[in-house]
Amino acid sequence: MQFPAPDLVSSRRLLLITDQLPAPADFLLHRFLHLHLKQSKTAKCIVLAVSESLERWKSVASKAQMTSPQNTNVAHSEFFQFIDVFDQHPPSQNRGEGHENKISLKCIYDLLSVKLSDSRTNGQIPLVILDDITSLEWFGVSLLDLSRFVRALRTLCVKMDAALVVRHHIITPPEPDALLRHLLQLCTYHIEVRPLASGRSGAVSGEICVHLGPSMKDTNEHVISRTSALQYRLTESSAVFFDKGTSTGVL
């Protein structure tokens, strides 16, 4: 069984991925990148990195044997572009009460806008991945600024016919925090990665559900309910997916 479906990542869509500490969704972000570049050799993917380094992306890419059409590592390919948010504006070490980091989200937005404009020349759908919006809030970016930033990213990706993937950490399930409530209003699909209620086992690492966003109410396409959640088991280089209640599957 394969996840995600090839047409889940489409232009002008915002895919919200949520995860929890016992079931991190890092593997899914890397899988989106892998499948996107595999489906189109000239499709551009731009990673806005908050919590994962370029070395980490390169390491996972190497294990998945991802190479560019020029037979070089994907991390050095013109079709994979990496923007370290904190390289642009490192977080302040002074985190006293009332302090907010002056991370210029507009600078990140402007840089992304230029890269997306350049990517429109080959007619392929670009993919933008924001790997960890939650940590930006932890580092002191205000909820208002983050809400405006995500809305601006979504508008930009719609304008540029790009797909947008945003990952958010859930700290206090099942109550959604203010940022999550805002993201849920903007997303096309909500992909929920969560641990098993019985705890992690050697055969099953967690499960995945897919919910419709506000703009997709007239379809059940790609929906995976919690009662029929897709389960997965992490491997050294990828993940194996299988129907709930079974412990076998194929890549």
Protein backbone atom coordinates (compact mmCIF):
# COMPACT_ATOMS: atom_id res chain seq x y z
CA MET A 1 0.00 0.00 0.00
CA GLN A 2 1.27 3.46 -0.87
CA PHE A 3 0.76 6.76 0.90
CA PRO A 4 0.16 9.47 -0.09
CA ALA A 5 -1.88 9.08 -3.26
CA PRO A 6 -0.09 10.63 -6.27
CA ASP A 7 -2.69 13.38 -6.69
CA LEU A 8 -2.93 14.38 -3.03
CA VAL A 9 -0.18 16.96 -3.46
CA SER A 10 -1.64 19.25 -6.10
CA SER A 11 -1.25 22.89 -7.02
CA ARG A 12 -2.97 25.48 -4.85
CA ARG A 13 -3.45 23.03 -1.97
CA LEU A 14 -2.34 23.48 1.63
CA LEU A 15 -1.68 20.16 3.33
CA LEU A 16 -1.47 20.48 7.11
CA ILE A 17 0.43 17.68 8.84
CA THR A 18 0.06 17.39 12.60
CA ASP A 19 2.04 15.05 14.81
CA GLN A 20 2.72 14.30 18.46
CA LEU A 21 5.90 13.62 20.40
CA PRO A 22 5.40 9.80 20.44
CA ALA A 23 4.76 9.80 16.66
CA PRO A 24 6.78 12.48 14.84
CA ALA A 25 5.96 13.06 11.18
CA ASP A 26 9.50 13.74 9.94
CA PHE A 27 9.35 10.63 7.75
CA LEU A 28 6.26 11.95 6.00
CA LEU A 29 7.90 15.28 5.09
CA HIS A 30 10.80 13.41 3.52
CA ARG A 31 8.39 11.09 1.74
CA PHE A 32 6.54 14.04 0.19
CA LEU A 33 9.85 15.36 -1.11
CA HIS A 34 10.92 11.97 -2.43
CA LEU A 35 7.66 11.28 -4.27
CA HIS A 36 7.40 14.80 -5.65
CA LEU A 37 10.84 14.68 -7.26
CA LYS A 38 10.32 11.09 -8.36
CA GLN A 39 7.08 11.92 -10.19
CA SER A 40 8.65 14.78 -12.11
CA LYS A 41 12.37 15.08 -12.76
CA THR A 42 12.11 18.87 -13.17
CA ALA A 43 9.64 19.70 -10.38
CA LYS A 44 11.12 22.08 -7.84
CA CYS A 45 10.86 21.52 -4.08
CA ILE A 46 11.69 24.30 -1.63
CA VAL A 47 12.12 23.45 2.05
CA LEU A 48 11.67 26.21 4.65
CA ALA A 49 13.62 24.55 7.44
CA VAL A 50 13.09 25.36 11.09
CA SER A 51 13.95 22.15 12.95
CA GLU A 52 15.82 19.95 10.46
CA SER A 53 19.26 20.73 9.04
CA LEU A 54 20.38 20.36 5.45
CA GLU A 55 22.61 17.48 6.56
CA ARG A 56 19.56 15.64 7.86
CA TRP A 57 17.68 16.09 4.57
CA LYS A 58 20.75 14.93 2.66
CA SER A 59 21.17 11.89 4.89
CA VAL A 60 17.57 10.76 4.42
CA ALA A 61 17.79 11.46 0.69
CA SER A 62 20.91 9.32 0.46
CA LYS A 63 19.23 6.40 2.21
CA ALA A 64 16.30 6.65 -0.17
CA GLN A 65 18.77 6.74 -3.09
CA MET A 66 17.41 10.06 -4.31
CA THR A 67 19.56 11.63 -6.99
CA SER A 68 19.02 14.45 -9.41
CA PRO A 69 18.84 13.94 -13.19
CA GLN A 70 22.52 14.96 -13.27
CA ASN A 71 23.30 12.01 -10.95
CA THR A 72 24.32 14.26 -8.06
CA ASN A 73 22.88 14.35 -4.58
CA VAL A 74 19.40 15.84 -4.58
CA ALA A 75 20.41 18.40 -1.97
CA HIS A 76 22.73 19.97 -4.54
CA SER A 77 20.26 19.80 -7.38
CA GLU A 78 18.72 22.94 -8.80
CA PHE A 79 15.34 21.29 -8.24
CA PHE A 80 15.86 21.02 -4.47
CA GLN A 81 16.29 24.30 -2.65
CA PHE A 82 16.85 24.62 1.08
CA ILE A 83 16.16 27.76 3.10
CA ASP A 84 17.26 27.69 6.73
CA VAL A 85 14.96 30.16 8.46
CA PHE A 86 17.40 30.79 11.30
CA ASP A 87 20.33 31.26 8.90
CA GLN A 88 18.41 34.23 7.57
CA HIS A 89 17.62 35.55 11.06
CA PRO A 90 19.11 33.57 13.98
CA PRO A 91 16.91 33.49 17.10
CA SER A 92 17.92 35.75 19.96
CA GLN A 93 19.45 34.17 23.05
CA ASN A 94 17.60 36.64 25.27
CA ARG A 95 14.27 35.00 25.93
CA GLY A 96 13.17 36.89 29.02
CA GLU A 97 9.55 37.53 29.88
CA GLY A 98 7.81 39.65 27.28
CA HIS A 99 10.62 39.19 24.77
CA GLU A 100 9.82 38.30 21.17
CA ASN A 101 12.36 37.28 18.58
CA LYS A 102 12.63 39.60 15.64
CA ILE A 103 12.68 36.90 12.99
CA SER A 104 11.82 38.59 9.72
CA LEU A 105 9.16 36.38 8.21
CA LYS A 106 8.80 38.91 5.41
CA CYS A 107 12.41 38.24 4.41
CA ILE A 108 11.63 34.51 4.18
CA TYR A 109 8.47 35.26 2.22
CA ASP A 110 10.34 37.50 -0.24
CA LEU A 111 13.06 34.90 -0.76
CA LEU A 112 10.48 32.18 -1.38
CA SER A 113 8.61 34.43 -3.79
CA VAL A 114 11.73 34.87 -5.92
CA LYS A 115 12.47 31.14 -5.96
CA LEU A 116 8.87 30.28 -6.90
CA SER A 117 8.92 32.85 -9.70
CA ASP A 118 12.01 31.18 -11.11
CA SER A 119 10.39 27.75 -10.89
CA ARG A 120 7.46 28.65 -13.15
CA THR A 121 9.58 28.42 -16.28
CA ASN A 122 9.40 24.60 -16.62
CA GLY A 123 5.62 24.32 -16.17
CA GLN A 124 5.88 21.86 -13.26
CA ILE A 125 4.08 22.16 -9.91
CA PRO A 126 6.51 23.38 -7.23
CA LEU A 127 6.27 21.97 -3.70
CA VAL A 128 6.93 24.13 -0.63
CA ILE A 129 7.50 22.43 2.74
CA LEU A 130 7.52 24.34 6.02
CA ASP A 131 8.90 21.63 8.27
CA ASP A 132 7.99 23.01 11.73
CA ILE A 133 5.81 26.07 12.26
CA THR A 134 5.37 25.28 15.95
CA SER A 135 9.01 25.94 16.82
CA LEU A 136 8.71 29.44 15.39
CA GLU A 137 6.09 30.15 18.02
CA TRP A 138 8.30 28.60 20.72
CA PHE A 139 11.14 30.88 19.65
CA GLY A 140 8.97 33.92 20.26
CA VAL A 141 7.24 34.72 16.98
CA SER A 142 3.77 36.00 17.86
CA LEU A 143 0.61 34.11 16.98
CA LEU A 144 -0.56 37.07 14.91
CA ASP A 145 2.66 37.16 12.87
CA LEU A 146 2.55 33.39 12.30
CA SER A 147 -1.09 33.52 11.24
CA ARG A 148 -0.34 36.28 8.76
CA PHE A 149 2.75 34.42 7.53
CA VAL A 150 0.87 31.19 6.79
CA ARG A 151 -1.94 33.06 5.10
CA ALA A 152 0.61 34.91 2.96
CA LEU A 153 2.37 31.63 2.08
CA ARG A 154 -0.92 30.08 1.05
CA THR A 155 -1.84 33.07 -1.11
CA LEU A 156 1.60 33.03 -2.74
CA CYS A 157 1.40 29.30 -3.49
CA VAL A 158 -2.06 29.70 -5.00
CA LYS A 159 -0.75 32.52 -7.19
CA MET A 160 2.27 30.45 -8.27
CA ASP A 161 0.32 27.17 -8.75
CA ALA A 162 2.41 25.57 -6.01
CA ALA A 163 1.54 22.99 -3.34
CA LEU A 164 2.21 23.87 0.30
CA VAL A 165 2.88 21.43 3.16
CA VAL A 166 3.01 22.72 6.75
CA ARG A 167 3.86 20.60 9.81
CA HIS A 168 2.51 21.51 13.28
CA HIS A 169 3.30 19.75 16.56
CA ILE A 170 0.37 18.99 18.86
CA ILE A 171 1.47 19.27 22.48
CA THR A 172 -1.82 18.99 24.35
CA PRO A 173 -4.14 16.58 22.54
CA PRO A 174 -7.06 16.54 22.09
CA GLU A 175 -7.51 20.29 22.69
CA PRO A 176 -6.30 22.32 19.65
CA ASP A 177 -4.17 25.37 20.39
CA ALA A 178 -4.85 28.77 18.83
CA LEU A 179 -2.32 28.31 16.00
CA LEU A 180 -3.73 24.90 15.10
CA ARG A 181 -7.27 26.30 14.97
CA HIS A 182 -6.07 28.92 12.49
CA LEU A 183 -4.23 26.34 10.36
CA LEU A 184 -7.29 24.08 10.26
CA GLN A 185 -9.31 26.92 8.75
CA LEU A 186 -6.77 27.40 5.95
CA CYS A 187 -5.87 23.83 5.01
CA THR A 188 -7.20 21.79 2.10
CA TYR A 189 -6.45 18.52 3.87
CA HIS A 190 -5.41 17.77 7.44
CA ILE A 191 -3.09 14.78 7.68
CA GLU A 192 -3.02 13.56 11.26
CA VAL A 193 -0.07 11.44 12.35
CA ARG A 194 -0.67 10.01 15.80
CA PRO A 195 0.53 7.25 18.11
CA LEU A 196 -1.46 4.14 18.82
CA ALA A 197 -3.77 4.44 21.79
CA SER A 198 -2.18 1.26 23.16
CA GLY A 199 1.33 2.63 22.69
CA ARG A 200 4.04 1.98 20.13
CA SER A 201 4.89 -1.61 19.27
CA GLY A 202 7.59 -3.27 17.23
CA ALA A 203 5.15 -3.95 14.41
CA VAL A 204 3.34 -0.59 14.31
CA SER A 205 4.93 2.85 14.78
CA GLY A 206 1.72 4.88 14.50
CA GLU A 207 -1.25 5.67 12.32
CA ILE A 208 -2.37 8.24 9.78
CA CYS A 209 -5.77 9.84 9.23
CA VAL A 210 -6.73 12.32 6.51
CA HIS A 211 -9.48 14.88 7.11
CA LEU A 212 -11.04 17.42 4.76
CA GLY A 213 -10.34 21.10 5.15
CA PRO A 214 -13.05 23.79 4.84
CA SER A 215 -12.59 24.13 1.06
CA MET A 216 -13.09 20.40 0.37
CA LYS A 217 -16.47 19.70 1.93
CA ASP A 218 -18.06 18.35 -1.26
CA THR A 219 -15.82 15.33 -1.66
CA ASN A 220 -14.59 12.32 0.27
CA GLU A 221 -11.51 11.91 -1.94
CA HIS A 222 -8.40 10.84 0.01
CA VAL A 223 -10.27 10.84 3.34
CA ILE A 224 -9.08 8.29 5.92
CA SER A 225 -11.18 8.30 9.08
CA ARG A 226 -9.84 7.55 12.54
CA THR A 227 -11.82 4.32 12.68
CA SER A 228 -10.09 3.08 9.51
CA ALA A 229 -6.73 4.77 10.06
CA LEU A 230 -3.78 3.75 7.91
CA GLN A 231 -1.02 2.28 10.07
CA TYR A 232 2.71 2.45 9.41
CA ARG A 233 5.97 0.98 10.56
CA LEU A 234 9.18 2.99 10.26
CA THR A 235 12.19 1.36 8.63
CA GLU A 236 15.79 2.54 8.39
CA SER A 237 15.18 4.43 5.15
CA SER A 238 11.41 4.81 4.76
CA ALA A 239 8.07 3.54 6.07
CA VAL A 240 5.78 0.60 5.40
CA PHE A 241 2.03 1.29 5.24
CA PHE A 242 -0.80 -1.17 5.86
CA ASP A 243 -4.47 -1.29 6.76
CA LYS A 244 -5.47 -1.00 10.39
CA GLY A 245 -5.45 -4.30 12.17
CA THR A 246 -2.77 -5.93 10.04
CA SER A 247 0.96 -5.96 10.63
CA THR A 248 2.17 -6.53 7.10
CA GLY A 249 2.46 -4.23 4.12
CA VAL A 250 4.52 -3.20 1.18
CA LEU A 251 6.28 0.04 0.34
